[in-house]
Amino acid sequence: MPPGHPLPPVPEHENVYETSLRFAGSEIDEDYRLRLDAIARFLEIIGLEHLEDANAFETHPHWIVRRTVIDVIEPIKFPEVVRLQRWCSGVSPRWCNMRVRLEGSDGGLVETEAFWINMNMETKGPSRFTDYFFDYLGATTTEHRLRWRPWLTDSRSDEPGVVFPLRRTDLDHFEHINNTAYWHGVQQTLDTMPESSYRAIVEYVKAITWGDEVRIHSRRADDDSVEMTFAVDDDVRALVHVGPL
């Protein structure tokens, strides 16, 4: 799927999990819009709830994300109540694409898709789904042989980049910087968010750990899109693309 490809629509199926959330003033920008890092946090919250609703949390508690796509169709603004729907849009025995639709009560709309890998904490590698959970995920998609294909490439210039300071509070139970923290760096680098609808993509290449000296390298293309690279020296840790839909 190229970066401009539309995300699949909501299927009519009982395995589409639905919930609603409110958000706080600490999760909005100066124009009352729900920030990208807050959207990423919502994806983690509904992911946990969905696992519990599917009776799969005990067997599949550990996950990492390789890519997150956020399409801001119409910004969700405070104090909208957010309706969230989550379902699988592609699956293989060890990983899956999970779609989440966020719909604000006053017309805001954000579409997302994330590539999640089921992890084994002992081996630190991907772990197979149980037969039950594979069938559960596969019920909302016809893609049952999902493969990882990177969308983004390193496009750094010779500029030194900007320091991305780490916080102890960003560490997760893998002892990695949690994926939501990268979105703080995206939001900071963009400074002001696009006025029209846009797509933001983060691909996680290699984990950032406590003590890493991270810099964000960014450049703006002719079409007003922005590309970023999170790097430790010459070691790429994440790639970002933000551009108009």
Protein backbone atom coordinates (compact mmCIF):
# COMPACT_ATOMS: atom_id res chain seq x y z
CA MET A 1 0.00 0.00 0.00
CA PRO A 2 1.60 3.32 -1.01
CA PRO A 3 1.44 6.30 1.39
CA GLY A 4 -1.45 7.85 -0.57
CA HIS A 5 -3.66 4.77 -0.64
CA PRO A 6 -7.02 5.11 1.20
CA LEU A 7 -7.57 3.01 4.30
CA PRO A 8 -10.20 0.24 4.15
CA PRO A 9 -13.74 1.11 5.36
CA VAL A 10 -15.48 -0.17 8.48
CA PRO A 11 -16.86 -3.66 7.88
CA GLU A 12 -20.26 -4.72 9.14
CA HIS A 13 -19.22 -7.39 11.62
CA GLU A 14 -19.66 -8.14 15.30
CA ASN A 15 -15.87 -8.26 15.78
CA VAL A 16 -15.63 -4.50 15.21
CA TYR A 17 -15.02 -3.24 18.75
CA GLU A 18 -16.57 0.10 19.67
CA THR A 19 -16.13 2.44 22.61
CA SER A 20 -16.05 6.18 23.37
CA LEU A 21 -13.57 8.44 25.13
CA ARG A 22 -13.26 12.01 26.31
CA PHE A 23 -9.95 13.81 26.24
CA ALA A 24 -8.33 16.37 28.51
CA GLY A 25 -6.93 19.84 27.97
CA SER A 26 -3.41 18.37 28.21
CA GLU A 27 -4.07 16.50 24.93
CA ILE A 28 -4.96 19.45 22.68
CA ASP A 29 -2.95 22.07 20.81
CA GLU A 30 -3.44 25.83 20.94
CA ASP A 31 -6.35 25.54 18.50
CA TYR A 32 -8.19 22.95 20.65
CA ARG A 33 -7.33 20.14 18.19
CA LEU A 34 -6.58 16.64 19.46
CA ARG A 35 -2.81 16.18 19.10
CA LEU A 36 -1.14 13.34 17.22
CA ASP A 37 0.47 11.94 20.37
CA ALA A 38 -2.95 11.87 22.04
CA ILE A 39 -4.38 9.98 19.06
CA ALA A 40 -1.55 7.43 19.40
CA ARG A 41 -2.39 7.05 23.09
CA PHE A 42 -6.04 6.46 22.21
CA LEU A 43 -4.92 3.66 19.89
CA GLU A 44 -3.16 1.95 22.80
CA ILE A 45 -6.17 2.34 25.09
CA ILE A 46 -8.67 0.88 22.64
CA GLY A 47 -6.19 -1.85 21.72
CA LEU A 48 -6.13 -3.07 25.33
CA GLU A 49 -9.90 -2.85 25.62
CA HIS A 50 -10.35 -4.74 22.35
CA LEU A 51 -8.07 -7.57 23.52
CA GLU A 52 -10.07 -7.92 26.72
CA ASP A 53 -13.37 -7.80 24.84
CA ALA A 54 -12.11 -10.57 22.52
CA ASN A 55 -10.97 -12.69 25.49
CA ALA A 56 -7.42 -12.56 24.11
CA PHE A 57 -5.54 -10.43 26.62
CA GLU A 58 -4.24 -13.32 28.73
CA THR A 59 -2.80 -15.11 25.68
CA HIS A 60 -1.60 -12.04 23.75
CA PRO A 61 -0.53 -9.35 26.27
CA HIS A 62 2.67 -8.08 24.62
CA TRP A 63 2.81 -6.07 21.39
CA ILE A 64 5.07 -3.72 19.47
CA VAL A 65 4.07 -1.47 16.59
CA ARG A 66 6.07 -1.19 13.34
CA ARG A 67 4.03 1.49 11.59
CA THR A 68 1.24 3.89 12.49
CA VAL A 69 -0.78 5.78 9.88
CA ILE A 70 -2.96 8.69 11.01
CA ASP A 71 -5.27 10.38 8.49
CA VAL A 72 -6.69 13.60 9.90
CA ILE A 73 -9.74 14.16 7.69
CA GLU A 74 -11.30 16.78 9.96
CA PRO A 75 -9.56 17.68 13.24
CA ILE A 76 -11.28 16.48 16.42
CA LYS A 77 -11.62 19.41 18.78
CA PHE A 78 -12.13 19.79 22.50
CA PRO A 79 -14.61 19.05 24.08
CA GLU A 80 -15.90 16.54 21.52
CA VAL A 81 -16.71 13.03 22.70
CA VAL A 82 -14.79 10.57 20.53
CA ARG A 83 -16.41 7.40 19.20
CA LEU A 84 -13.80 4.77 18.35
CA GLN A 85 -14.18 1.63 16.25
CA ARG A 86 -11.38 -0.95 15.97
CA TRP A 87 -11.00 -3.99 13.75
CA CYS A 88 -8.40 -6.07 11.89
CA SER A 89 -7.71 -5.11 8.26
CA GLY A 90 -4.99 -7.68 7.55
CA VAL A 91 -3.47 -10.61 9.43
CA SER A 92 -0.73 -13.23 9.39
CA PRO A 93 0.08 -15.80 12.10
CA ARG A 94 2.27 -13.36 14.10
CA TRP A 95 1.18 -9.82 13.18
CA CYS A 96 -1.76 -7.79 11.96
CA ASN A 97 -2.95 -4.44 10.67
CA MET A 98 -5.46 -2.87 13.04
CA ARG A 99 -7.74 -0.08 11.85
CA VAL A 100 -9.20 2.47 14.23
CA ARG A 101 -11.76 5.09 13.24
CA LEU A 102 -12.12 8.11 15.55
CA GLU A 103 -15.27 10.14 15.07
CA GLY A 104 -15.91 13.32 17.06
CA SER A 105 -19.39 14.24 18.24
CA ASP A 106 -19.19 17.57 16.36
CA GLY A 107 -17.88 16.25 13.05
CA GLY A 108 -14.19 15.58 13.64
CA LEU A 109 -12.88 12.50 11.84
CA VAL A 110 -9.56 10.66 12.03
CA GLU A 111 -8.78 7.34 10.33
CA THR A 112 -5.83 5.23 11.47
CA GLU A 113 -4.11 1.94 10.75
CA ALA A 114 -1.22 0.36 12.65
CA PHE A 115 0.96 -2.68 11.98
CA TRP A 116 1.16 -4.60 15.27
CA ILE A 117 3.42 -7.57 16.10
CA ASN A 118 2.51 -10.08 18.80
CA MET A 119 5.62 -10.54 20.97
CA ASN A 120 7.08 -13.28 23.16
CA MET A 121 8.72 -11.65 26.19
CA GLU A 122 11.08 -14.60 26.76
CA THR A 123 12.49 -14.82 23.23
CA LYS A 124 11.98 -11.10 22.44
CA GLY A 125 10.67 -12.19 19.04
CA PRO A 126 7.31 -12.45 17.26
CA SER A 127 4.89 -15.01 18.68
CA ARG A 128 2.15 -16.95 16.90
CA PHE A 129 -1.48 -16.15 17.53
CA THR A 130 -3.67 -18.84 18.99
CA ASP A 131 -5.99 -20.43 16.44
CA TYR A 132 -8.95 -18.76 18.11
CA PHE A 133 -7.46 -15.28 17.94
CA PHE A 134 -6.25 -15.69 14.37
CA ASP A 135 -9.78 -16.65 13.32
CA TYR A 136 -11.20 -13.75 15.34
CA LEU A 137 -8.93 -11.22 13.62
CA GLY A 138 -9.39 -12.77 10.20
CA ALA A 139 -13.17 -12.46 10.35
CA THR A 140 -13.03 -8.74 9.41
CA THR A 141 -10.55 -9.00 6.54
CA THR A 142 -9.80 -11.07 3.45
CA GLU A 143 -6.04 -10.43 3.85
CA HIS A 144 -4.77 -13.48 5.76
CA ARG A 145 -1.14 -13.43 4.55
CA LEU A 146 -0.11 -9.95 5.57
CA ARG A 147 3.55 -9.14 4.96
CA TRP A 148 5.67 -6.28 6.24
CA ARG A 149 6.63 -3.83 3.51
CA PRO A 150 8.28 -0.53 4.49
CA TRP A 151 6.79 2.59 2.93
CA LEU A 152 9.41 5.16 3.92
CA THR A 153 13.13 5.65 3.25
CA ASP A 154 15.83 7.72 4.90
CA SER A 155 16.04 11.13 3.25
CA ARG A 156 18.29 13.05 5.63
CA SER A 157 20.23 16.07 4.50
CA ASP A 158 23.67 17.01 5.84
CA GLU A 159 22.11 19.21 8.52
CA PRO A 160 22.91 18.14 12.11
CA GLY A 161 19.28 17.82 13.16
CA VAL A 162 17.56 18.85 16.39
CA VAL A 163 18.06 17.08 19.71
CA PHE A 164 15.05 15.02 20.83
CA PRO A 165 15.33 14.80 24.64
CA LEU A 166 14.14 11.57 26.24
CA ARG A 167 12.12 11.28 29.44
CA ARG A 168 12.08 8.38 31.90
CA THR A 169 8.29 8.52 31.73
CA ASP A 170 8.46 7.53 28.03
CA LEU A 171 9.92 4.07 28.81
CA ASP A 172 7.67 1.02 28.45
CA HIS A 173 7.90 -2.53 29.81
CA PHE A 174 10.17 -3.52 26.91
CA GLU A 175 12.58 -0.82 28.20
CA HIS A 176 12.03 1.00 24.90
CA ILE A 177 10.80 4.53 24.38
CA ASN A 178 7.05 4.05 23.90
CA ASN A 179 5.76 4.61 20.37
CA THR A 180 3.53 7.49 21.48
CA ALA A 181 6.62 9.51 22.47
CA TYR A 182 7.78 9.70 18.84
CA TRP A 183 4.61 11.63 18.06
CA HIS A 184 5.70 14.30 20.54
CA GLY A 185 8.76 14.75 18.33
CA VAL A 186 6.62 14.87 15.19
CA GLN A 187 4.31 17.49 16.69
CA GLN A 188 7.27 19.55 17.94
CA THR A 189 9.08 19.44 14.59
CA LEU A 190 6.01 20.45 12.60
CA ASP A 191 5.39 23.35 15.02
CA THR A 192 2.00 24.12 13.46
CA MET A 193 -0.26 21.43 12.07
CA PRO A 194 -1.59 21.50 8.48
CA GLU A 195 -4.84 23.38 7.98
CA SER A 196 -6.26 20.90 5.43
CA SER A 197 -6.61 17.13 5.73
CA TYR A 198 -3.31 15.28 5.97
CA ARG A 199 -1.68 11.89 6.51
CA ALA A 200 1.04 11.29 9.10
CA ILE A 201 3.08 8.07 9.04
CA VAL A 202 5.66 6.83 11.54
CA GLU A 203 7.66 3.68 10.78
CA TYR A 204 9.61 2.31 13.73
CA VAL A 205 12.89 0.87 12.46
CA LYS A 206 14.82 0.16 15.65
CA ALA A 207 14.01 0.80 19.29
CA ILE A 208 15.19 3.90 21.11
CA THR A 209 16.40 3.08 24.62
CA TRP A 210 17.21 5.18 27.66
CA GLY A 211 20.54 6.96 27.26
CA ASP A 212 20.41 7.21 23.46
CA GLU A 213 21.24 10.66 22.09
CA VAL A 214 18.49 11.13 19.52
CA ARG A 215 18.26 13.81 16.85
CA ILE A 216 15.40 14.55 14.50
CA HIS A 217 16.41 15.43 10.93
CA SER A 218 13.66 17.02 8.85
CA ARG A 219 13.14 18.48 5.42
CA ARG A 220 10.17 19.95 3.57
CA ALA A 221 9.37 18.79 0.04
CA ASP A 222 7.90 20.81 -2.84
CA ASP A 223 4.38 19.42 -2.18
CA ASP A 224 4.46 20.79 1.39
CA SER A 225 5.02 17.35 2.87
CA VAL A 226 7.57 16.96 5.66
CA GLU A 227 9.95 14.02 6.08
CA MET A 228 11.73 13.26 9.35
CA THR A 229 14.31 10.80 10.56
CA PHE A 230 14.84 9.91 14.21
CA ALA A 231 18.51 8.87 14.42
CA VAL A 232 21.23 8.07 16.93
CA ASP A 233 24.40 9.18 15.16
CA ASP A 234 23.98 7.44 11.75
CA ASP A 235 21.67 4.73 13.10
CA VAL A 236 18.07 5.24 11.92
CA ARG A 237 15.46 4.54 14.59
CA ALA A 238 12.27 5.83 12.95
CA LEU A 239 11.07 7.45 9.72
CA VAL A 240 8.22 9.93 9.36
CA HIS A 241 6.17 11.37 6.51
CA VAL A 242 3.52 14.06 6.96
CA GLY A 243 1.74 15.31 3.85
CA PRO A 244 -1.59 16.35 2.38
CA LEU A 245 -4.20 13.72 1.57
